[in-house]
């Protein structure tokens, strides 16, 4: 009974408080608005769809759609044209080799890969900013020239990493004959060749990472079998030893340092 009385009392006090707040709010509302008072303007947002009357309007609409598409795909495009692919694949191989399931979590691995990508690509991004974005913002160059200048540092980076065999494969698929200079190779051929090279290098690094941890798994499994512990999962015993090995060799410093050095 006491508990119910307290609850009813609390509810009544809350209702009274809400009622007082409403009264205070109503007291601040003027009953008659003065003729000199101006209403607060609210912005009106709308999208008009109509028939284009001139060819210039059609071109402007298509350019707007193209820009919106590029903005939506910009993160994926930049990830495929930078060092992000190799880094994130190697980090996932490392986590799988350790057998720590979801530790570190995906958010940590992606964040680490992004910051390492910014670290590796910072000279290229600075060059793109100086050579393309700043002159275009000042109106010194056209949009087409800004795109060409902005792509040049990324193309040079991809040319340093791509293998000739992968580049020749896509040139053969695109039916492009032998070229005399790199400028004659289109980006539509260079980018997929660069992605394949990045995946191949990442898998090679992942294989080397797996070797010491597989040896630990084999030793632990053979030891448990010789002791007759057939029902004990070897992963439960090998996981602490793999973590201990990774700590003793300062694994994060070793893996990240050698991974960054692979970008020549």
C-alpha atoms as a PDB file:
ATOM      1  CA  UNK A   1       0.000   0.000   0.000  1.00  0.00           C
ATOM      2  CA  UNK A   2       2.796   2.380   0.870  1.00  0.00           C
ATOM      3  CA  UNK A   3       4.453   1.640  -2.459  1.00  0.00           C
ATOM      4  CA  UNK A   4       1.237   2.359  -4.364  1.00  0.00           C
ATOM      5  CA  UNK A   5       0.713   5.622  -2.461  1.00  0.00           C
ATOM      6  CA  UNK A   6       4.260   6.736  -3.305  1.00  0.00           C
ATOM      7  CA  UNK A   7       3.733   5.836  -6.951  1.00  0.00           C
ATOM      8  CA  UNK A   8       0.445   7.773  -7.148  1.00  0.00           C
ATOM      9  CA  UNK A   9       2.071  10.732  -5.417  1.00  0.00           C
ATOM     10  CA  UNK A  10       4.992  10.712  -7.870  1.00  0.00           C
ATOM     11  CA  UNK A  11       2.621  10.520 -10.843  1.00  0.00           C
ATOM     12  CA  UNK A  12       0.566  13.427  -9.536  1.00  0.00           C
ATOM     13  CA  UNK A  13       3.650  15.562  -8.973  1.00  0.00           C
ATOM     14  CA  UNK A  14       4.861  14.836 -12.521  1.00  0.00           C
ATOM     15  CA  UNK A  15       1.471  15.798 -13.964  1.00  0.00           C
ATOM     16  CA  UNK A  16       1.469  19.028 -11.977  1.00  0.00           C
ATOM     17  CA  UNK A  17       4.987  19.830 -13.162  1.00  0.00           C
ATOM     18  CA  UNK A  18       4.048  19.265 -16.808  1.00  0.00           C
ATOM     19  CA  UNK A  19       0.950  21.465 -16.357  1.00  0.00           C
ATOM     20  CA  UNK A  20       3.051  24.287 -14.856  1.00  0.00           C
ATOM     21  CA  UNK A  21       5.537  24.079 -17.698  1.00  0.00           C
ATOM     22  CA  UNK A  22       2.688  24.364 -20.210  1.00  0.00           C
ATOM     23  CA  UNK A  23       1.337  27.431 -18.415  1.00  0.00           C
ATOM     24  CA  UNK A  24       4.773  29.074 -18.365  1.00  0.00           C
ATOM     25  CA  UNK A  25       5.169  28.400 -22.057  1.00  0.00           C
ATOM     26  CA  UNK A  26       1.730  29.872 -22.831  1.00  0.00           C
ATOM     27  CA  UNK A  27       2.544  33.025 -20.855  1.00  0.00           C
ATOM     28  CA  UNK A  28       5.445  33.739 -23.204  1.00  0.00           C
ATOM     29  CA  UNK A  29       3.226  33.550 -26.302  1.00  0.00           C
ATOM     30  CA  UNK A  30       1.824  36.971 -27.270  1.00  0.00           C
ATOM     31  CA  UNK A  31      -1.939  37.103 -27.575  1.00  0.00           C
ATOM     32  CA  UNK A  32      -1.995  39.788 -30.260  1.00  0.00           C
ATOM     33  CA  UNK A  33       0.915  40.039 -32.609  1.00  0.00           C
ATOM     34  CA  UNK A  34       2.048  43.563 -33.326  1.00  0.00           C
ATOM     35  CA  UNK A  35       1.691  44.755 -36.906  1.00  0.00           C
ATOM     36  CA  UNK A  36       5.390  45.475 -37.098  1.00  0.00           C
ATOM     37  CA  UNK A  37       6.397  41.946 -36.102  1.00  0.00           C
ATOM     38  CA  UNK A  38       7.592  39.899 -39.055  1.00  0.00           C
ATOM     39  CA  UNK A  39       7.054  36.157 -39.243  1.00  0.00           C
ATOM     40  CA  UNK A  40      10.129  33.963 -39.157  1.00  0.00           C
ATOM     41  CA  UNK A  41      10.872  32.803 -42.706  1.00  0.00           C
ATOM     42  CA  UNK A  42      11.191  29.063 -43.230  1.00  0.00           C
ATOM     43  CA  UNK A  43      13.291  27.738 -46.112  1.00  0.00           C
ATOM     44  CA  UNK A  44      11.523  25.940 -48.908  1.00  0.00           C
ATOM     45  CA  UNK A  45      13.389  23.079 -50.552  1.00  0.00           C
ATOM     46  CA  UNK A  46      12.143  21.575 -53.764  1.00  0.00           C
ATOM     47  CA  UNK A  47      13.249  19.740 -56.885  1.00  0.00           C
ATOM     48  CA  UNK A  48      11.785  20.764 -60.191  1.00  0.00           C
ATOM     49  CA  UNK A  49      11.535  18.303 -63.048  1.00  0.00           C
ATOM     50  CA  UNK A  50      10.677  19.712 -66.403  1.00  0.00           C
ATOM     51  CA  UNK A  51      11.362  19.510 -70.097  1.00  0.00           C
ATOM     52  CA  UNK A  52      14.733  20.809 -71.245  1.00  0.00           C
ATOM     53  CA  UNK A  53      14.263  23.457 -73.898  1.00  0.00           C
ATOM     54  CA  UNK A  54      17.851  23.788 -75.085  1.00  0.00           C
ATOM     55  CA  UNK A  55      20.783  21.450 -75.540  1.00  0.00           C
ATOM     56  CA  UNK A  56      22.737  23.341 -72.901  1.00  0.00           C
ATOM     57  CA  UNK A  57      20.168  22.430 -70.258  1.00  0.00           C
ATOM     58  CA  UNK A  58      20.404  18.755 -71.247  1.00  0.00           C
ATOM     59  CA  UNK A  59      24.191  18.800 -70.957  1.00  0.00           C
ATOM     60  CA  UNK A  60      23.994  20.516 -67.556  1.00  0.00           C
ATOM     61  CA  UNK A  61      21.556  17.880 -66.280  1.00  0.00           C
ATOM     62  CA  UNK A  62      23.768  15.050 -67.497  1.00  0.00           C
ATOM     63  CA  UNK A  63      26.811  16.650 -65.888  1.00  0.00           C
ATOM     64  CA  UNK A  64      24.950  16.916 -62.591  1.00  0.00           C
ATOM     65  CA  UNK A  65      23.960  13.241 -62.725  1.00  0.00           C
ATOM     66  CA  UNK A  66      27.540  12.282 -63.572  1.00  0.00           C
ATOM     67  CA  UNK A  67      28.909  14.293 -60.630  1.00  0.00           C
ATOM     68  CA  UNK A  68      26.398  12.731 -58.207  1.00  0.00           C
ATOM     69  CA  UNK A  69      27.356   9.260 -59.453  1.00  0.00           C
ATOM     70  CA  UNK A  70      31.050   9.978 -58.989  1.00  0.00           C
ATOM     71  CA  UNK A  71      30.434  11.279 -55.461  1.00  0.00           C
ATOM     72  CA  UNK A  72      28.530   8.100 -54.564  1.00  0.00           C
ATOM     73  CA  UNK A  73      31.265   5.848 -55.965  1.00  0.00           C
ATOM     74  CA  UNK A  74      34.216   7.980 -54.851  1.00  0.00           C
ATOM     75  CA  UNK A  75      35.088   5.923 -51.716  1.00  0.00           C
ATOM     76  CA  UNK A  76      35.164   2.653 -53.660  1.00  0.00           C
ATOM     77  CA  UNK A  77      37.131   4.190 -56.513  1.00  0.00           C
ATOM     78  CA  UNK A  78      39.728   5.714 -54.206  1.00  0.00           C
ATOM     79  CA  UNK A  79      40.090   2.465 -52.235  1.00  0.00           C
ATOM     80  CA  UNK A  80      40.736   0.527 -55.438  1.00  0.00           C
ATOM     81  CA  UNK A  81      43.332   3.043 -56.638  1.00  0.00           C
ATOM     82  CA  UNK A  82      45.322   3.224 -53.401  1.00  0.00           C
ATOM     83  CA  UNK A  83      47.159   0.892 -51.049  1.00  0.00           C
ATOM     84  CA  UNK A  84      43.992   0.088 -49.086  1.00  0.00           C
ATOM     85  CA  UNK A  85      43.299  -3.228 -50.845  1.00  0.00           C
ATOM     86  CA  UNK A  86      46.650  -4.810 -50.016  1.00  0.00           C
ATOM     87  CA  UNK A  87      46.619  -3.602 -46.415  1.00  0.00           C
ATOM     88  CA  UNK A  88      43.107  -4.764 -45.510  1.00  0.00           C
ATOM     89  CA  UNK A  89      43.586  -8.205 -47.117  1.00  0.00           C
ATOM     90  CA  UNK A  90      46.860  -8.772 -45.246  1.00  0.00           C
ATOM     91  CA  UNK A  91      45.294  -7.720 -41.943  1.00  0.00           C
ATOM     92  CA  UNK A  92      42.437 -10.174 -42.434  1.00  0.00           C
ATOM     93  CA  UNK A  93      44.945 -12.931 -43.240  1.00  0.00           C
ATOM     94  CA  UNK A  94      46.812 -12.077 -40.050  1.00  0.00           C
ATOM     95  CA  UNK A  95      43.676 -12.322 -37.932  1.00  0.00           C
ATOM     96  CA  UNK A  96      42.720 -15.634 -39.537  1.00  0.00           C
ATOM     97  CA  UNK A  97      46.218 -17.033 -38.992  1.00  0.00           C
ATOM     98  CA  UNK A  98      46.102 -16.091 -35.324  1.00  0.00           C
ATOM     99  CA  UNK A  99      42.675 -17.711 -35.009  1.00  0.00           C
ATOM    100  CA  UNK A 100      41.350 -14.988 -32.727  1.00  0.00           C
ATOM    101  CA  UNK A 101      37.944 -14.971 -34.463  1.00  0.00           C
ATOM    102  CA  UNK A 102      36.696 -11.335 -34.319  1.00  0.00           C
ATOM    103  CA  UNK A 103      39.656  -9.856 -32.428  1.00  0.00           C
ATOM    104  CA  UNK A 104      40.635  -7.245 -33.515  1.00  0.00           C
ATOM    105  CA  UNK A 105      37.139  -6.363 -34.774  1.00  0.00           C
ATOM    106  CA  UNK A 106      36.465  -5.303 -38.348  1.00  0.00           C
ATOM    107  CA  UNK A 107      36.109  -1.639 -37.363  1.00  0.00           C
ATOM    108  CA  UNK A 108      39.620  -1.612 -35.916  1.00  0.00           C
ATOM    109  CA  UNK A 109      41.146  -3.332 -38.946  1.00  0.00           C
ATOM    110  CA  UNK A 110      39.386  -1.008 -41.405  1.00  0.00           C
ATOM    111  CA  UNK A 111      40.390   2.060 -39.369  1.00  0.00           C
ATOM    112  CA  UNK A 112      44.009   0.911 -39.228  1.00  0.00           C
ATOM    113  CA  UNK A 113      43.987   0.216 -42.963  1.00  0.00           C
ATOM    114  CA  UNK A 114      42.554   3.667 -43.684  1.00  0.00           C
ATOM    115  CA  UNK A 115      45.152   5.509 -41.609  1.00  0.00           C
ATOM    116  CA  UNK A 116      47.965   3.461 -43.125  1.00  0.00           C
ATOM    117  CA  UNK A 117      46.556   4.290 -46.559  1.00  0.00           C
ATOM    118  CA  UNK A 118      46.546   8.013 -45.749  1.00  0.00           C
ATOM    119  CA  UNK A 119      50.130   7.684 -44.480  1.00  0.00           C
ATOM    120  CA  UNK A 120      51.326   5.951 -47.648  1.00  0.00           C
ATOM    121  CA  UNK A 121      49.310   8.081 -50.070  1.00  0.00           C
ATOM    122  CA  UNK A 122      49.917  11.461 -48.398  1.00  0.00           C
ATOM    123  CA  UNK A 123      52.575  12.612 -50.937  1.00  0.00           C
ATOM    124  CA  UNK A 124      50.254  11.682 -53.800  1.00  0.00           C
ATOM    125  CA  UNK A 125      47.256  13.395 -52.195  1.00  0.00           C
ATOM    126  CA  UNK A 126      49.299  16.544 -51.581  1.00  0.00           C
ATOM    127  CA  UNK A 127      50.474  16.577 -55.181  1.00  0.00           C
ATOM    128  CA  UNK A 128      46.898  16.142 -56.408  1.00  0.00           C
ATOM    129  CA  UNK A 129      45.760  19.001 -54.213  1.00  0.00           C
ATOM    130  CA  UNK A 130      48.486  21.346 -55.443  1.00  0.00           C
ATOM    131  CA  UNK A 131      48.383  20.403 -59.113  1.00  0.00           C
ATOM    132  CA  UNK A 132      44.648  19.913 -59.646  1.00  0.00           C
ATOM    133  CA  UNK A 133      42.258  20.899 -56.843  1.00  0.00           C
ATOM    134  CA  UNK A 134      43.687  24.299 -55.943  1.00  0.00           C
ATOM    135  CA  UNK A 135      44.023  25.586 -59.538  1.00  0.00           C
ATOM    136  CA  UNK A 136      40.512  24.319 -60.345  1.00  0.00           C
ATOM    137  CA  UNK A 137      39.064  26.005 -57.242  1.00  0.00           C
ATOM    138  CA  UNK A 138      40.676  29.279 -58.307  1.00  0.00           C
ATOM    139  CA  UNK A 139      39.288  28.944 -61.830  1.00  0.00           C
ATOM    140  CA  UNK A 140      42.706  28.690 -63.457  1.00  0.00           C
ATOM    141  CA  UNK A 141      42.048  25.382 -65.231  1.00  0.00           C
ATOM    142  CA  UNK A 142      38.997  23.640 -66.647  1.00  0.00           C
ATOM    143  CA  UNK A 143      37.274  20.575 -65.203  1.00  0.00           C
ATOM    144  CA  UNK A 144      38.750  18.207 -67.811  1.00  0.00           C
ATOM    145  CA  UNK A 145      42.272  19.457 -67.169  1.00  0.00           C
ATOM    146  CA  UNK A 146      41.758  19.166 -63.402  1.00  0.00           C
ATOM    147  CA  UNK A 147      40.727  15.514 -63.798  1.00  0.00           C
ATOM    148  CA  UNK A 148      43.774  14.791 -65.951  1.00  0.00           C
ATOM    149  CA  UNK A 149      46.132  16.490 -63.492  1.00  0.00           C
ATOM    150  CA  UNK A 150      44.476  14.767 -60.540  1.00  0.00           C
ATOM    151  CA  UNK A 151      44.785  11.330 -62.121  1.00  0.00           C
ATOM    152  CA  UNK A 152      48.449  11.728 -62.998  1.00  0.00           C
ATOM    153  CA  UNK A 153      49.894  11.130 -59.474  1.00  0.00           C
ATOM    154  CA  UNK A 154      47.587   8.129 -58.960  1.00  0.00           C
ATOM    155  CA  UNK A 155      48.587   6.679 -62.329  1.00  0.00           C
ATOM    156  CA  UNK A 156      52.258   7.021 -61.453  1.00  0.00           C
ATOM    157  CA  UNK A 157      51.644   5.242 -58.141  1.00  0.00           C
ATOM    158  CA  UNK A 158      49.757   2.409 -59.851  1.00  0.00           C
ATOM    159  CA  UNK A 159      52.433   2.065 -62.533  1.00  0.00           C
ATOM    160  CA  UNK A 160      55.066   1.609 -59.789  1.00  0.00           C
ATOM    161  CA  UNK A 161      53.062  -1.215 -58.213  1.00  0.00           C
ATOM    162  CA  UNK A 162      51.484  -3.008 -61.164  1.00  0.00           C
ATOM    163  CA  UNK A 163      53.198  -5.977 -62.759  1.00  0.00           C
ATOM    164  CA  UNK A 164      53.789  -6.028 -66.487  1.00  0.00           C
ATOM    165  CA  UNK A 165      52.111  -9.425 -66.840  1.00  0.00           C
ATOM    166  CA  UNK A 166      48.830  -8.177 -65.372  1.00  0.00           C
ATOM    167  CA  UNK A 167      48.995  -4.994 -67.407  1.00  0.00           C
ATOM    168  CA  UNK A 168      49.637  -6.978 -70.597  1.00  0.00           C
ATOM    169  CA  UNK A 169      46.649  -9.207 -69.816  1.00  0.00           C
ATOM    170  CA  UNK A 170      44.166  -6.340 -69.754  1.00  0.00           C
ATOM    171  CA  UNK A 171      45.794  -4.652 -72.726  1.00  0.00           C
ATOM    172  CA  UNK A 172      45.298  -7.891 -74.641  1.00  0.00           C
ATOM    173  CA  UNK A 173      41.659  -8.131 -73.516  1.00  0.00           C
ATOM    174  CA  UNK A 174      41.077  -4.497 -74.554  1.00  0.00           C
ATOM    175  CA  UNK A 175      42.833  -5.242 -77.884  1.00  0.00           C
ATOM    176  CA  UNK A 176      45.376  -2.488 -77.411  1.00  0.00           C
ATOM    177  CA  UNK A 177      48.551  -2.840 -79.425  1.00  0.00           C
ATOM    178  CA  UNK A 178      51.986  -2.056 -78.089  1.00  0.00           C
ATOM    179  CA  UNK A 179      52.340   1.494 -76.836  1.00  0.00           C
ATOM    180  CA  UNK A 180      55.402   3.691 -76.778  1.00  0.00           C
ATOM    181  CA  UNK A 181      54.654   5.640 -73.580  1.00  0.00           C
ATOM    182  CA  UNK A 182      52.661   5.079 -70.397  1.00  0.00           C
ATOM    183  CA  UNK A 183      50.377   7.986 -71.233  1.00  0.00           C
ATOM    184  CA  UNK A 184      48.874   5.939 -74.061  1.00  0.00           C
ATOM    185  CA  UNK A 185      47.613   3.280 -71.617  1.00  0.00           C
ATOM    186  CA  UNK A 186      44.064   4.184 -70.518  1.00  0.00           C
ATOM    187  CA  UNK A 187      43.086   4.171 -66.872  1.00  0.00           C
ATOM    188  CA  UNK A 188      40.356   1.618 -67.631  1.00  0.00           C
ATOM    189  CA  UNK A 189      43.162  -0.864 -68.320  1.00  0.00           C
ATOM    190  CA  UNK A 190      45.550   0.259 -65.601  1.00  0.00           C
ATOM    191  CA  UNK A 191      43.119   0.158 -62.645  1.00  0.00           C
ATOM    192  CA  UNK A 192      41.962  -3.504 -62.930  1.00  0.00           C
ATOM    193  CA  UNK A 193      45.550  -4.618 -63.584  1.00  0.00           C
ATOM    194  CA  UNK A 194      46.639  -2.740 -60.455  1.00  0.00           C
ATOM    195  CA  UNK A 195      43.873  -4.372 -58.366  1.00  0.00           C
ATOM    196  CA  UNK A 196      44.886  -7.874 -59.489  1.00  0.00           C
ATOM    197  CA  UNK A 197      48.516  -7.153 -58.639  1.00  0.00           C
ATOM    198  CA  UNK A 198      47.536  -5.871 -55.203  1.00  0.00           C
ATOM    199  CA  UNK A 199      45.484  -8.987 -54.477  1.00  0.00           C
ATOM    200  CA  UNK A 200      48.298 -11.260 -55.620  1.00  0.00           C
ATOM    201  CA  UNK A 201      50.882  -9.520 -53.438  1.00  0.00           C
ATOM    202  CA  UNK A 202      48.478  -9.548 -50.477  1.00  0.00           C
ATOM    203  CA  UNK A 203      47.932 -13.305 -50.836  1.00  0.00           C
ATOM    204  CA  UNK A 204      51.697 -13.881 -51.021  1.00  0.00           C
ATOM    205  CA  UNK A 205      52.221 -11.929 -47.801  1.00  0.00           C
ATOM    206  CA  UNK A 206      49.303 -13.782 -46.189  1.00  0.00           C
ATOM    207  CA  UNK A 207      50.889 -17.136 -47.067  1.00  0.00           C
ATOM    208  CA  UNK A 208      54.147 -16.128 -45.390  1.00  0.00           C
ATOM    209  CA  UNK A 209      52.230 -14.990 -42.310  1.00  0.00           C
ATOM    210  CA  UNK A 210      50.408 -18.315 -42.068  1.00  0.00           C
ATOM    211  CA  UNK A 211      53.560 -20.510 -42.030  1.00  0.00           C
ATOM    212  CA  UNK A 212      54.733 -20.045 -38.387  1.00  0.00           C
ATOM    213  CA  UNK A 213      51.196 -20.322 -37.015  1.00  0.00           C
ATOM    214  CA  UNK A 214      50.506 -23.507 -38.996  1.00  0.00           C
ATOM    215  CA  UNK A 215      53.687 -25.027 -37.538  1.00  0.00           C
ATOM    216  CA  UNK A 216      52.414 -24.290 -34.018  1.00  0.00           C
ATOM    217  CA  UNK A 217      49.052 -25.898 -34.862  1.00  0.00           C
ATOM    218  CA  UNK A 218      50.777 -29.008 -36.217  1.00  0.00           C
ATOM    219  CA  UNK A 219      53.047 -29.373 -33.175  1.00  0.00           C
ATOM    220  CA  UNK A 220      50.157 -28.965 -30.747  1.00  0.00           C
ATOM    221  CA  UNK A 221      47.925 -31.386 -32.687  1.00  0.00           C
ATOM    222  CA  UNK A 222      50.621 -34.075 -32.882  1.00  0.00           C
ATOM    223  CA  UNK A 223      51.414 -33.651 -29.178  1.00  0.00           C
ATOM    224  CA  UNK A 224      47.774 -34.047 -28.168  1.00  0.00           C
ATOM    225  CA  UNK A 225      47.413 -37.127 -30.354  1.00  0.00           C
ATOM    226  CA  UNK A 226      50.520 -38.737 -28.843  1.00  0.00           C
ATOM    227  CA  UNK A 227      49.125 -38.071 -25.362  1.00  0.00           C
ATOM    228  CA  UNK A 228      45.804 -39.666 -26.286  1.00  0.00           C
ATOM    229  CA  UNK A 229      43.777 -36.456 -25.913  1.00  0.00           C
ATOM    230  CA  UNK A 230      41.704 -37.012 -29.011  1.00  0.00           C
ATOM    231  CA  UNK A 231      38.660 -35.071 -27.826  1.00  0.00           C
ATOM    232  CA  UNK A 232      40.515 -31.889 -26.851  1.00  0.00           C
ATOM    233  CA  UNK A 233      40.415 -29.312 -29.677  1.00  0.00           C
ATOM    234  CA  UNK A 234      43.986 -28.360 -30.654  1.00  0.00           C
ATOM    235  CA  UNK A 235      42.878 -24.757 -31.280  1.00  0.00           C
ATOM    236  CA  UNK A 236      42.226 -24.217 -27.576  1.00  0.00           C
ATOM    237  CA  UNK A 237      45.837 -25.128 -26.773  1.00  0.00           C
ATOM    238  CA  UNK A 238      47.572 -23.582 -29.788  1.00  0.00           C
ATOM    239  CA  UNK A 239      45.865 -20.168 -29.552  1.00  0.00           C
ATOM    240  CA  UNK A 240      47.750 -18.987 -26.421  1.00  0.00           C
ATOM    241  CA  UNK A 241      51.047 -20.134 -27.939  1.00  0.00           C
ATOM    242  CA  UNK A 242      50.346 -18.272 -31.186  1.00  0.00           C
ATOM    243  CA  UNK A 243      49.484 -15.109 -29.292  1.00  0.00           C
ATOM    244  CA  UNK A 244      52.635 -15.509 -27.169  1.00  0.00           C
ATOM    245  CA  UNK A 245      54.774 -15.926 -30.308  1.00  0.00           C
ATOM    246  CA  UNK A 246      53.159 -12.862 -31.886  1.00  0.00           C
ATOM    247  CA  UNK A 247      53.884 -10.811 -28.766  1.00  0.00           C
ATOM    248  CA  UNK A 248      57.482 -12.015 -28.417  1.00  0.00           C
ATOM    249  CA  UNK A 249      58.423 -11.058 -31.994  1.00  0.00           C
ATOM    250  CA  UNK A 250      56.522  -7.725 -31.706  1.00  0.00           C
ATOM    251  CA  UNK A 251      54.199  -8.868 -34.466  1.00  0.00           C
ATOM    252  CA  UNK A 252      52.299  -5.642 -35.131  1.00  0.00           C
ATOM    253  CA  UNK A 253      55.504  -3.661 -35.567  1.00  0.00           C
ATOM    254  CA  UNK A 254      56.987  -6.351 -37.795  1.00  0.00           C
ATOM    255  CA  UNK A 255      53.939  -6.927 -40.006  1.00  0.00           C
ATOM    256  CA  UNK A 256      52.937  -3.282 -40.426  1.00  0.00           C
ATOM    257  CA  UNK A 257      56.530  -2.144 -40.974  1.00  0.00           C
ATOM    258  CA  UNK A 258      57.238  -4.727 -43.667  1.00  0.00           C
ATOM    259  CA  UNK A 259      53.828  -4.179 -45.239  1.00  0.00           C
ATOM    260  CA  UNK A 260      54.416  -0.435 -45.634  1.00  0.00           C
ATOM    261  CA  UNK A 261      57.886  -1.096 -47.075  1.00  0.00           C
ATOM    262  CA  UNK A 262      56.382  -3.200 -49.878  1.00  0.00           C
ATOM    263  CA  UNK A 263      55.078  -0.009 -51.495  1.00  0.00           C
ATOM    264  CA  UNK A 264      58.129   1.039 -53.444  1.00  0.00           C
END
